[in-house]
C-alpha atoms as a PDB file:
ATOM      1  CA  MET A   1       8.639  -7.578 -19.684  1.00  0.00           C
ATOM      2  CA  PRO A   2       5.377  -8.843 -18.154  1.00  0.00           C
ATOM      3  CA  HIS A   3       5.064 -12.328 -16.919  1.00  0.00           C
ATOM      4  CA  ASN A   4       1.897 -14.406 -16.112  1.00  0.00           C
ATOM      5  CA  ASN A   5       1.728 -15.627 -12.497  1.00  0.00           C
ATOM      6  CA  THR A   6       2.754 -19.190 -13.465  1.00  0.00           C
ATOM      7  CA  THR A   7       6.310 -17.999 -14.738  1.00  0.00           C
ATOM      8  CA  TRP A   8       7.308 -15.083 -12.482  1.00  0.00           C
ATOM      9  CA  SER A   9       9.085 -16.333  -9.317  1.00  0.00           C
ATOM     10  CA  PRO A  10      10.417 -13.971  -6.583  1.00  0.00           C
ATOM     11  CA  GLU A  11      13.221 -16.520  -5.915  1.00  0.00           C
ATOM     12  CA  LYS A  12      14.319 -16.675  -9.384  1.00  0.00           C
ATOM     13  CA  HIS A  13      13.497 -13.328 -10.840  1.00  0.00           C
ATOM     14  CA  ILE A  14      14.351 -10.694  -8.072  1.00  0.00           C
ATOM     15  CA  LYS A  15      17.943  -9.589  -8.578  1.00  0.00           C
ATOM     16  CA  SER A  16      20.321  -8.746  -5.791  1.00  0.00           C
ATOM     17  CA  LEU A  17      18.985  -6.021  -3.343  1.00  0.00           C
ATOM     18  CA  LYS A  18      22.411  -5.251  -1.807  1.00  0.00           C
ATOM     19  CA  GLY A  19      22.624  -1.904  -0.366  1.00  0.00           C
ATOM     20  CA  LYS A  20      18.858  -1.281  -0.662  1.00  0.00           C
ATOM     21  CA  SER A  21      16.719  -0.090   2.080  1.00  0.00           C
ATOM     22  CA  ILE A  22      12.941  -1.164   2.254  1.00  0.00           C
ATOM     23  CA  LEU A  23      10.093  -0.029   4.164  1.00  0.00           C
ATOM     24  CA  ILE A  24       6.765  -1.941   4.057  1.00  0.00           C
ATOM     25  CA  THR A  25       3.536  -0.852   5.778  1.00  0.00           C
ATOM     26  CA  GLY A  26       1.508  -3.540   7.099  1.00  0.00           C
ATOM     27  CA  GLY A  27       4.645  -5.566   7.229  1.00  0.00           C
ATOM     28  CA  SER A  28       3.845  -7.729  10.154  1.00  0.00           C
ATOM     29  CA  ASN A  29       0.980 -10.088   8.472  1.00  0.00           C
ATOM     30  CA  GLY A  30      -0.536 -11.153   5.120  1.00  0.00           C
ATOM     31  CA  LEU A  31       1.108  -9.763   1.933  1.00  0.00           C
ATOM     32  CA  GLY A  32       3.381  -7.430   3.830  1.00  0.00           C
ATOM     33  CA  ARG A  33       4.857 -10.235   5.716  1.00  0.00           C
ATOM     34  CA  GLN A  34       5.201 -12.452   2.566  1.00  0.00           C
ATOM     35  CA  SER A  35       6.839  -9.460   0.779  1.00  0.00           C
ATOM     36  CA  ALA A  36       9.414  -9.014   3.626  1.00  0.00           C
ATOM     37  CA  LEU A  37      10.136 -12.676   3.730  1.00  0.00           C
ATOM     38  CA  ASP A  38      10.691 -12.821  -0.252  1.00  0.00           C
ATOM     39  CA  LEU A  39      12.701  -9.537  -0.294  1.00  0.00           C
ATOM     40  CA  ALA A  40      14.990 -10.887   2.586  1.00  0.00           C
ATOM     41  CA  LYS A  41      16.198 -13.513   0.446  1.00  0.00           C
ATOM     42  CA  HIS A  42      17.969 -11.198  -1.958  1.00  0.00           C
ATOM     43  CA  GLN A  43      20.268  -9.465   0.670  1.00  0.00           C
ATOM     44  CA  PRO A  44      18.888  -5.890   1.042  1.00  0.00           C
ATOM     45  CA  THR A  45      20.869  -3.827   3.618  1.00  0.00           C
ATOM     46  CA  GLU A  46      17.694  -3.222   5.804  1.00  0.00           C
ATOM     47  CA  ILE A  47      13.837  -3.882   5.875  1.00  0.00           C
ATOM     48  CA  TRP A  48      11.559  -1.831   8.070  1.00  0.00           C
ATOM     49  CA  LEU A  49       8.266  -3.376   8.975  1.00  0.00           C
ATOM     50  CA  ALA A  50       5.825  -0.708   9.714  1.00  0.00           C
ATOM     51  CA  ALA A  51       2.914  -1.874  11.649  1.00  0.00           C
ATOM     52  CA  ARG A  52       0.728  -1.721  14.843  1.00  0.00           C
ATOM     53  CA  SER A  53       1.550  -4.983  16.325  1.00  0.00           C
ATOM     54  CA  ALA A  54       5.046  -5.231  17.848  1.00  0.00           C
ATOM     55  CA  SER A  55       4.443  -9.062  18.658  1.00  0.00           C
ATOM     56  CA  ARG A  56       3.658  -9.972  15.103  1.00  0.00           C
ATOM     57  CA  ALA A  57       6.465  -7.846  13.686  1.00  0.00           C
ATOM     58  CA  GLU A  58       8.990  -9.609  16.025  1.00  0.00           C
ATOM     59  CA  ALA A  59       7.624 -13.070  14.812  1.00  0.00           C
ATOM     60  CA  VAL A  60       8.328 -11.771  11.228  1.00  0.00           C
ATOM     61  CA  ILE A  61      11.829 -10.534  12.120  1.00  0.00           C
ATOM     62  CA  ASP A  62      12.589 -13.973  13.728  1.00  0.00           C
ATOM     63  CA  GLU A  63      11.576 -15.598  10.436  1.00  0.00           C
ATOM     64  CA  ILE A  64      13.821 -13.286   8.389  1.00  0.00           C
ATOM     65  CA  LYS A  65      16.787 -13.774  10.700  1.00  0.00           C
ATOM     66  CA  GLN A  66      16.444 -17.499  10.083  1.00  0.00           C
ATOM     67  CA  LEU A  67      16.571 -16.925   6.257  1.00  0.00           C
ATOM     68  CA  ASP A  68      19.537 -14.473   6.424  1.00  0.00           C
ATOM     69  CA  PRO A  69      20.968 -13.322   9.782  1.00  0.00           C
ATOM     70  CA  SER A  70      22.929 -10.555   8.142  1.00  0.00           C
ATOM     71  CA  VAL A  71      19.737  -8.661   6.945  1.00  0.00           C
ATOM     72  CA  SER A  72      18.985  -5.759   9.409  1.00  0.00           C
ATOM     73  CA  VAL A  73      15.252  -5.992  10.118  1.00  0.00           C
ATOM     74  CA  LYS A  74      13.591  -3.311  12.201  1.00  0.00           C
ATOM     75  CA  PHE A  75      10.081  -2.780  13.472  1.00  0.00           C
ATOM     76  CA  LEU A  76       8.610   0.683  12.986  1.00  0.00           C
ATOM     77  CA  PRO A  77       5.520   1.366  15.077  1.00  0.00           C
ATOM     78  CA  LEU A  78       2.881   2.820  12.761  1.00  0.00           C
ATOM     79  CA  ASP A  79      -0.823   3.356  13.102  1.00  0.00           C
ATOM     80  CA  LEU A  80      -2.133   4.856   9.904  1.00  0.00           C
ATOM     81  CA  THR A  81      -5.217   6.012  11.734  1.00  0.00           C
ATOM     82  CA  SER A  82      -3.296   8.710  13.651  1.00  0.00           C
ATOM     83  CA  PHE A  83      -1.104  11.575  12.324  1.00  0.00           C
ATOM     84  CA  SER A  84       0.813  11.595  15.588  1.00  0.00           C
ATOM     85  CA  SER A  85       1.756   7.968  14.945  1.00  0.00           C
ATOM     86  CA  ILE A  86       2.693   8.513  11.392  1.00  0.00           C
ATOM     87  CA  ARG A  87       4.843  11.658  12.229  1.00  0.00           C
ATOM     88  CA  GLU A  88       6.591   9.620  14.961  1.00  0.00           C
ATOM     89  CA  ALA A  89       7.212   6.786  12.578  1.00  0.00           C
ATOM     90  CA  ALA A  90       8.747   9.093   9.961  1.00  0.00           C
ATOM     91  CA  ARG A  91      10.837  10.766  12.645  1.00  0.00           C
ATOM     92  CA  ILE A  92      12.183   7.286  13.826  1.00  0.00           C
ATOM     93  CA  PHE A  93      12.875   6.113  10.422  1.00  0.00           C
ATOM     94  CA  LEU A  94      14.542   9.420   9.135  1.00  0.00           C
ATOM     95  CA  ALA A  95      16.673   9.447  12.197  1.00  0.00           C
ATOM     96  CA  SER A  96      18.126   6.193  11.356  1.00  0.00           C
ATOM     97  CA  ALA A  97      17.916   5.489   7.593  1.00  0.00           C
ATOM     98  CA  THR A  98      20.119   7.134   5.102  1.00  0.00           C
ATOM     99  CA  ARG A  99      18.224   6.024   2.014  1.00  0.00           C
ATOM    100  CA  LEU A 100      14.922   4.598   0.975  1.00  0.00           C
ATOM    101  CA  ASP A 101      14.900   2.500  -2.269  1.00  0.00           C
ATOM    102  CA  ILE A 102      11.609   0.504  -2.031  1.00  0.00           C
ATOM    103  CA  LEU A 103       8.478   1.989  -0.200  1.00  0.00           C
ATOM    104  CA  LEU A 104       5.727  -0.619  -0.286  1.00  0.00           C
ATOM    105  CA  LEU A 105       2.453   0.906   0.682  1.00  0.00           C
ATOM    106  CA  ASN A 106       0.713  -2.359   1.538  1.00  0.00           C
ATOM    107  CA  ALA A 107      -1.266  -1.778   4.718  1.00  0.00           C
ATOM    108  CA  GLY A 108      -5.026  -1.311   4.439  1.00  0.00           C
ATOM    109  CA  VAL A 109      -8.486  -2.019   5.981  1.00  0.00           C
ATOM    110  CA  MET A 110     -11.774  -3.105   4.365  1.00  0.00           C
ATOM    111  CA  ASN A 111     -15.497  -3.642   5.551  1.00  0.00           C
ATOM    112  CA  VAL A 112     -15.106  -1.331   8.716  1.00  0.00           C
ATOM    113  CA  PRO A 113     -18.557  -0.542  10.074  1.00  0.00           C
ATOM    114  CA  VAL A 114     -20.044   2.781   8.617  1.00  0.00           C
ATOM    115  CA  GLY A 115     -19.476   5.750  10.806  1.00  0.00           C
ATOM    116  CA  THR A 116     -16.026   4.627  12.088  1.00  0.00           C
ATOM    117  CA  VAL A 117     -13.472   7.461  11.779  1.00  0.00           C
ATOM    118  CA  THR A 118      -9.808   7.942  12.400  1.00  0.00           C
ATOM    119  CA  LYS A 119      -8.395   9.965  15.078  1.00  0.00           C
ATOM    120  CA  GLU A 120      -8.423  13.020  12.877  1.00  0.00           C
ATOM    121  CA  GLY A 121     -11.962  12.406  11.844  1.00  0.00           C
ATOM    122  CA  TYR A 122     -11.465  10.787   8.437  1.00  0.00           C
ATOM    123  CA  GLU A 123     -13.689   7.924   7.283  1.00  0.00           C
ATOM    124  CA  MET A 124     -11.945   4.939   8.485  1.00  0.00           C
ATOM    125  CA  HIS A 125     -11.301   3.237   4.826  1.00  0.00           C
ATOM    126  CA  PHE A 126     -10.249   6.562   3.220  1.00  0.00           C
ATOM    127  CA  GLY A 127      -8.335   7.820   6.294  1.00  0.00           C
ATOM    128  CA  THR A 128      -6.268   4.681   6.658  1.00  0.00           C
ATOM    129  CA  ASN A 129      -5.832   3.497   3.034  1.00  0.00           C
ATOM    130  CA  HIS A 130      -5.163   6.912   1.378  1.00  0.00           C
ATOM    131  CA  VAL A 131      -4.643   9.807   3.964  1.00  0.00           C
ATOM    132  CA  GLY A 132      -2.391   7.892   6.280  1.00  0.00           C
ATOM    133  CA  HIS A 133      -0.269   6.601   3.521  1.00  0.00           C
ATOM    134  CA  ALA A 134      -0.275  10.106   1.719  1.00  0.00           C
ATOM    135  CA  LEU A 135       0.968  11.660   5.008  1.00  0.00           C
ATOM    136  CA  LEU A 136       3.735   9.069   5.217  1.00  0.00           C
ATOM    137  CA  VAL A 137       4.924   9.748   1.668  1.00  0.00           C
ATOM    138  CA  LYS A 138       4.928  13.447   2.237  1.00  0.00           C
ATOM    139  CA  LEU A 139       7.235  13.053   5.193  1.00  0.00           C
ATOM    140  CA  LEU A 140       9.466  10.718   3.425  1.00  0.00           C
ATOM    141  CA  THR A 141       9.605  12.573   0.290  1.00  0.00           C
ATOM    142  CA  PRO A 142      12.872  14.340   0.906  1.00  0.00           C
ATOM    143  CA  LEU A 143      14.646  10.981   1.579  1.00  0.00           C
ATOM    144  CA  LEU A 144      13.070   9.385  -1.497  1.00  0.00           C
ATOM    145  CA  ARG A 145      14.206  12.270  -3.600  1.00  0.00           C
ATOM    146  CA  GLN A 146      17.852  12.074  -2.145  1.00  0.00           C
ATOM    147  CA  THR A 147      18.094   8.363  -2.866  1.00  0.00           C
ATOM    148  CA  ALA A 148      16.861   8.707  -6.301  1.00  0.00           C
ATOM    149  CA  LEU A 149      19.776  11.042  -7.065  1.00  0.00           C
ATOM    150  CA  SER A 150      21.942   8.018  -7.324  1.00  0.00           C
ATOM    151  CA  SER A 151      19.824   4.983  -7.264  1.00  0.00           C
ATOM    152  CA  GLU A 152      16.446   3.740  -8.698  1.00  0.00           C
ATOM    153  CA  VAL A 153      13.557   4.146  -6.268  1.00  0.00           C
ATOM    154  CA  ARG A 154      10.202   2.460  -6.327  1.00  0.00           C
ATOM    155  CA  VAL A 155       6.948   3.316  -4.540  1.00  0.00           C
ATOM    156  CA  VAL A 156       4.359   0.773  -4.807  1.00  0.00           C
ATOM    157  CA  LEU A 157       0.727   1.279  -3.782  1.00  0.00           C
ATOM    158  CA  VAL A 158      -1.472  -1.694  -3.181  1.00  0.00           C
ATOM    159  CA  SER A 159      -4.904  -0.848  -4.781  1.00  0.00           C
ATOM    160  CA  SER A 160      -7.384  -3.318  -5.935  1.00  0.00           C
ATOM    161  CA  VAL A 161      -9.853  -4.101  -8.730  1.00  0.00           C
ATOM    162  CA  ALA A 162     -12.371  -3.009  -6.073  1.00  0.00           C
ATOM    163  CA  HIS A 163     -11.602   0.533  -7.173  1.00  0.00           C
ATOM    164  CA  ARG A 164     -14.479  -0.077  -9.634  1.00  0.00           C
ATOM    165  CA  PHE A 165     -16.947  -0.453  -6.845  1.00  0.00           C
ATOM    166  CA  GLY A 166     -16.774   3.057  -5.288  1.00  0.00           C
ATOM    167  CA  PRO A 167     -19.598   5.600  -5.353  1.00  0.00           C
ATOM    168  CA  SER A 168     -20.821   7.391  -8.420  1.00  0.00           C
ATOM    169  CA  GLY A 169     -18.348   9.706  -9.814  1.00  0.00           C
ATOM    170  CA  GLY A 170     -15.600   7.712  -8.019  1.00  0.00           C
ATOM    171  CA  LEU A 171     -14.700   9.871  -5.217  1.00  0.00           C
ATOM    172  CA  GLN A 172     -17.400  11.484  -2.928  1.00  0.00           C
ATOM    173  CA  PHE A 173     -15.331  14.192  -1.317  1.00  0.00           C
ATOM    174  CA  ASP A 174     -17.865  15.169   1.386  1.00  0.00           C
ATOM    175  CA  SER A 175     -17.677  11.518   2.612  1.00  0.00           C
ATOM    176  CA  PHE A 176     -13.800  11.875   3.264  1.00  0.00           C
ATOM    177  CA  LYS A 177     -14.245  13.705   6.660  1.00  0.00           C
ATOM    178  CA  PRO A 178     -17.877  13.438   7.486  1.00  0.00           C
ATOM    179  CA  LYS A 179     -19.047  16.141   9.909  1.00  0.00           C
ATOM    180  CA  ILE A 180     -22.409  14.624  10.955  1.00  0.00           C
ATOM    181  CA  GLY A 181     -23.606  11.163  10.755  1.00  0.00           C
ATOM    182  CA  ASN A 182     -22.429   9.192   7.671  1.00  0.00           C
ATOM    183  CA  SER A 183     -22.375   9.490   3.958  1.00  0.00           C
ATOM    184  CA  GLY A 184     -24.868   6.738   3.206  1.00  0.00           C
ATOM    185  CA  LEU A 185     -22.278   4.737   1.399  1.00  0.00           C
ATOM    186  CA  SER A 186     -21.783   1.081   2.242  1.00  0.00           C
ATOM    187  CA  PRO A 187     -18.582  -0.301   3.417  1.00  0.00           C
ATOM    188  CA  ASN A 188     -17.929  -1.795   0.066  1.00  0.00           C
ATOM    189  CA  ALA A 189     -18.450   1.506  -1.655  1.00  0.00           C
ATOM    190  CA  LEU A 190     -16.156   3.136   0.909  1.00  0.00           C
ATOM    191  CA  TYR A 191     -13.444   0.617   0.471  1.00  0.00           C
ATOM    192  CA  GLY A 192     -13.594   0.974  -3.290  1.00  0.00           C
ATOM    193  CA  GLN A 193     -13.428   4.820  -2.996  1.00  0.00           C
ATOM    194  CA  SER A 194     -10.231   4.376  -1.105  1.00  0.00           C
ATOM    195  CA  LYS A 195      -8.743   2.030  -3.520  1.00  0.00           C
ATOM    196  CA  LEU A 196      -9.583   4.341  -6.450  1.00  0.00           C
ATOM    197  CA  ALA A 197      -7.820   6.910  -4.382  1.00  0.00           C
ATOM    198  CA  ASN A 198      -4.588   4.768  -4.192  1.00  0.00           C
ATOM    199  CA  LEU A 199      -4.711   4.366  -7.935  1.00  0.00           C
ATOM    200  CA  LEU A 200      -5.258   8.078  -8.737  1.00  0.00           C
ATOM    201  CA  PHE A 201      -2.624   9.302  -6.139  1.00  0.00           C
ATOM    202  CA  ALA A 202       0.026   6.925  -7.796  1.00  0.00           C
ATOM    203  CA  HIS A 203      -0.775   8.466 -11.206  1.00  0.00           C
ATOM    204  CA  GLU A 204      -0.562  11.928 -10.087  1.00  0.00           C
ATOM    205  CA  MET A 205       2.624  11.149  -7.818  1.00  0.00           C
ATOM    206  CA  ALA A 206       4.187   9.685 -11.180  1.00  0.00           C
ATOM    207  CA  ARG A 207       3.438  13.000 -12.894  1.00  0.00           C
ATOM    208  CA  ARG A 208       4.702  15.255 -10.179  1.00  0.00           C
ATOM    209  CA  CYS A 209       7.599  13.231  -8.926  1.00  0.00           C
ATOM    210  CA  PRO A 210       9.302  11.789 -11.989  1.00  0.00           C
ATOM    211  CA  GLU A 211      12.624  11.168 -10.129  1.00  0.00           C
ATOM    212  CA  TRP A 212      11.392   7.854  -8.980  1.00  0.00           C
ATOM    213  CA  THR A 213       8.807   5.158 -10.280  1.00  0.00           C
ATOM    214  CA  THR A 214       5.554   5.063  -8.569  1.00  0.00           C
ATOM    215  CA  VAL A 215       2.946   2.387  -9.669  1.00  0.00           C
ATOM    216  CA  SER A 216      -0.359   0.792  -8.213  1.00  0.00           C
ATOM    217  CA  ILE A 217      -1.127  -2.781  -8.254  1.00  0.00           C
ATOM    218  CA  HIS A 218      -4.096  -5.174  -7.684  1.00  0.00           C
ATOM    219  CA  PRO A 219      -2.772  -8.414  -5.903  1.00  0.00           C
ATOM    220  CA  GLY A 220      -5.618 -10.553  -6.963  1.00  0.00           C
ATOM    221  CA  THR A 221      -8.240 -12.117  -4.776  1.00  0.00           C
ATOM    222  CA  VAL A 222      -6.093 -13.401  -1.907  1.00  0.00           C
ATOM    223  CA  LYS A 223      -6.901 -15.372   1.169  1.00  0.00           C
ATOM    224  CA  THR A 224      -5.844 -12.914   4.040  1.00  0.00           C
ATOM    225  CA  ASP A 225      -7.094 -11.685   7.210  1.00  0.00           C
ATOM    226  CA  LEU A 226      -8.284  -8.518   5.200  1.00  0.00           C
ATOM    227  CA  GLN A 227     -10.947 -10.689   3.618  1.00  0.00           C
ATOM    228  CA  ARG A 228     -12.379 -11.970   6.843  1.00  0.00           C
ATOM    229  CA  SER A 229     -14.722  -9.524   8.490  1.00  0.00           C
ATOM    230  CA  GLU A 230     -17.623  -9.647  10.926  1.00  0.00           C
ATOM    231  CA  SER A 231     -19.093  -6.403   9.456  1.00  0.00           C
ATOM    232  CA  GLY A 232     -20.399  -5.407   6.256  1.00  0.00           C
ATOM    233  CA  PRO A 233     -23.331  -6.393   4.045  1.00  0.00           C
ATOM    234  CA  PHE A 234     -24.533 -10.021   4.045  1.00  0.00           C
ATOM    235  CA  LEU A 235     -23.683 -10.685   0.455  1.00  0.00           C
ATOM    236  CA  ILE A 236     -20.023  -9.319   1.022  1.00  0.00           C
ATOM    237  CA  LYS A 237     -19.639 -11.648   4.060  1.00  0.00           C
ATOM    238  CA  ALA A 238     -21.022 -14.466   2.172  1.00  0.00           C
ATOM    239  CA  PHE A 239     -18.441 -13.826  -0.653  1.00  0.00           C
ATOM    240  CA  GLN A 240     -15.556 -13.695   1.820  1.00  0.00           C
ATOM    241  CA  ALA A 241     -16.677 -16.776   3.705  1.00  0.00           C
ATOM    242  CA  VAL A 242     -17.621 -19.050   0.659  1.00  0.00           C
ATOM    243  CA  VAL A 243     -16.160 -17.629  -2.733  1.00  0.00           C
ATOM    244  CA  VAL A 244     -12.750 -16.394  -1.699  1.00  0.00           C
ATOM    245  CA  PRO A 245     -11.722 -19.598  -0.237  1.00  0.00           C
ATOM    246  CA  LEU A 246     -12.672 -21.242  -3.597  1.00  0.00           C
ATOM    247  CA  ILE A 247     -11.165 -18.922  -6.073  1.00  0.00           C
ATOM    248  CA  GLY A 248      -8.617 -16.963  -3.874  1.00  0.00           C
ATOM    249  CA  VAL A 249      -4.844 -17.404  -4.306  1.00  0.00           C
ATOM    250  CA  SER A 250      -2.408 -18.089  -1.491  1.00  0.00           C
ATOM    251  CA  VAL A 251      -0.586 -15.119   0.164  1.00  0.00           C
ATOM    252  CA  GLU A 252       2.531 -16.330  -1.530  1.00  0.00           C
ATOM    253  CA  GLU A 253       0.917 -16.064  -4.876  1.00  0.00           C
ATOM    254  CA  GLY A 254      -0.793 -12.716  -4.063  1.00  0.00           C
ATOM    255  CA  ALA A 255       2.492 -11.046  -2.972  1.00  0.00           C
ATOM    256  CA  LYS A 256       4.055 -11.629  -6.410  1.00  0.00           C
ATOM    257  CA  ASN A 257       2.589  -8.601  -8.262  1.00  0.00           C
ATOM    258  CA  GLN A 258       3.749  -5.964  -5.595  1.00  0.00           C
ATOM    259  CA  LEU A 259       7.194  -7.782  -5.376  1.00  0.00           C
ATOM    260  CA  TRP A 260       7.217  -7.576  -9.291  1.00  0.00           C
ATOM    261  CA  ALA A 261       6.523  -3.885  -9.161  1.00  0.00           C
ATOM    262  CA  ALA A 262       9.181  -3.252  -6.683  1.00  0.00           C
ATOM    263  CA  THR A 263      11.953  -5.042  -8.198  1.00  0.00           C
ATOM    264  CA  ALA A 264      11.426  -5.893 -11.872  1.00  0.00           C
ATOM    265  CA  ASP A 265      12.819  -4.169 -14.828  1.00  0.00           C
ATOM    266  CA  GLY A 266      10.572  -2.336 -17.337  1.00  0.00           C
ATOM    267  CA  VAL A 267       8.073  -1.055 -14.710  1.00  0.00           C
ATOM    268  CA  LEU A 268       6.421   1.953 -16.299  1.00  0.00           C
ATOM    269  CA  ASN A 269       5.925   4.947 -13.899  1.00  0.00           C
ATOM    270  CA  GLY A 270       2.249   5.647 -13.195  1.00  0.00           C
ATOM    271  CA  GLU A 271       0.990   2.464 -14.473  1.00  0.00           C
ATOM    272  CA  TYR A 272      -1.656   0.207 -12.755  1.00  0.00           C
ATOM    273  CA  TYR A 273      -0.617  -3.587 -12.911  1.00  0.00           C
ATOM    274  CA  VAL A 274      -2.573  -6.748 -12.325  1.00  0.00           C
ATOM    275  CA  PRO A 275      -1.007 -10.048 -11.673  1.00  0.00           C
ATOM    276  CA  VAL A 276       1.762 -10.653 -12.564  1.00  0.00           C
ATOM    277  CA  GLY A 277       3.310  -7.517 -14.158  1.00  0.00           C
ATOM    278  CA  VAL A 278       0.350  -7.061 -16.754  1.00  0.00           C
ATOM    279  CA  PRO A 279      -0.874  -3.488 -17.308  1.00  0.00           C
ATOM    280  CA  GLY A 280      -4.409  -3.362 -15.915  1.00  0.00           C
ATOM    281  CA  LYS A 281      -7.353  -1.701 -17.867  1.00  0.00           C
ATOM    282  CA  GLY A 282      -8.580   0.124 -14.792  1.00  0.00           C
ATOM    283  CA  SER A 283     -11.937   1.910 -14.686  1.00  0.00           C
ATOM    284  CA  ALA A 284     -12.590   5.082 -16.782  1.00  0.00           C
ATOM    285  CA  LEU A 285     -12.387   7.099 -13.418  1.00  0.00           C
ATOM    286  CA  SER A 286      -9.010   5.707 -12.700  1.00  0.00           C
ATOM    287  CA  LYS A 287      -7.625   7.449 -15.877  1.00  0.00           C
ATOM    288  CA  ASP A 288      -9.401  10.697 -15.071  1.00  0.00           C
ATOM    289  CA  GLU A 289      -6.473  13.249 -14.733  1.00  0.00           C
ATOM    290  CA  ASP A 290      -8.741  15.947 -13.486  1.00  0.00           C
ATOM    291  CA  LEU A 291      -9.986  13.792 -10.635  1.00  0.00           C
ATOM    292  CA  ALA A 292      -6.300  12.751  -9.791  1.00  0.00           C
ATOM    293  CA  ARG A 293      -5.326  16.467  -9.584  1.00  0.00           C
ATOM    294  CA  LYS A 294      -8.388  17.268  -7.601  1.00  0.00           C
ATOM    295  CA  LEU A 295      -7.552  14.379  -5.160  1.00  0.00           C
ATOM    296  CA  TRP A 296      -3.919  15.412  -4.834  1.00  0.00           C
ATOM    297  CA  ASP A 297      -4.782  19.141  -4.188  1.00  0.00           C
ATOM    298  CA  TRP A 298      -7.388  18.105  -1.501  1.00  0.00           C
ATOM    299  CA  THR A 299      -4.753  15.813   0.064  1.00  0.00           C
ATOM    300  CA  GLU A 300      -2.062  18.443   0.018  1.00  0.00           C
ATOM    301  CA  ALA A 301      -4.502  20.981   1.618  1.00  0.00           C
ATOM    302  CA  GLU A 302      -5.309  18.533   4.324  1.00  0.00           C
ATOM    303  CA  LEU A 303      -1.766  17.758   5.246  1.00  0.00           C
ATOM    304  CA  ARG A 304      -0.308  21.452   4.800  1.00  0.00           C
ATOM    305  CA  GLY A 305       2.159  22.168   7.482  1.00  0.00           C
ATOM    306  CA  ILE A 306       2.717  18.883   9.020  1.00  0.00           C
ATOM    307  CA  GLU A 307       6.256  17.822   9.594  1.00  0.00           C
ATOM    308  CA  PRO A 308       7.868  14.912  11.466  1.00  0.00           C
END
C-alpha cells in the first residue's frame, strides 16, 4: 500500500531482513550510504557496498558496525565506467555470496562535461548509469534467478523525473558510443537520456525476468553530492546552487523511496515509483514498449560474450 513521505518510515515499516543478502552500488555516500545504514538496522545477513572509494566505504562500514556488529558488511571495489572492474566485482561477489535478495542500483553521475567517455568509449552518463549497471545485472542474473527459487528478490533502479528531459525521441542511439566528437546534446539531455534508459530497462527486465520484482524509482530532489557540479550549463548550475538547497529534501528523506521499493509489500513488477511508494506517471516515452525492447536488444548486443 502506498504511503506519502510523511508516514512511511524505514525504522517502523521495514520488516526483518534476516537471511537477506544486499548489494548496493554507490553504497559509500549519499543515498547509497543512507540506504545501507537504514537496511542494516533490520538484521540482514550481509550488505555489500559496491563503490570506487575504499576509504569512504570503510567509513560507512564503521558506522554500520556501531549500529549492529552482527551484520556482515563488505566493500566491493566497483568502477561502473570499466568493464574489467565490473567483471572483477562480479567475480569477487559470486565467489563469496550464496544468494542475492536485494540489488539496489543506486550509483550514478550527472553533469559530466560533454565528450567524456568511459573506458569502453560510451558517453559517460549513459555508460555509467545504464551500460555499467546492465553489465552488472547480466553477470549477477544466475544468482538472482537461483535466489528467486526460494525467496522474494528485488532489483531497484534509481531513475529520476529527469528522464523527461532527454533528447527528442527519448534515446539517441548514435550518442551512446560516439565515434567522433560529440552528439551535440547538453549534459542535462545526456543525463535525462540515461535516466530514461534506467526506467525502460527496468520495465523490460520485469517483462523478461518475472521470477523477481524489478522497479525503477525517482528519489525526489535530494541534497546530495550528485547535485553539486562545476560543469554544465549556467542555468543548471544556478538551479543546483540556489534552488536545490531551498526545495531539496535531506538524504534521509530521499532514500525512503528506494528503501520502500526494496522492502515493502505490494510493490508491482515493472512499476515506476515517486516518493514514497506512489506509482509515477512517467513520460509517454517511458511507457514505449518498442523503445524498451530496442534498448534491451542494443544492450544485449553490446554485452554479448562478457562473463565474470
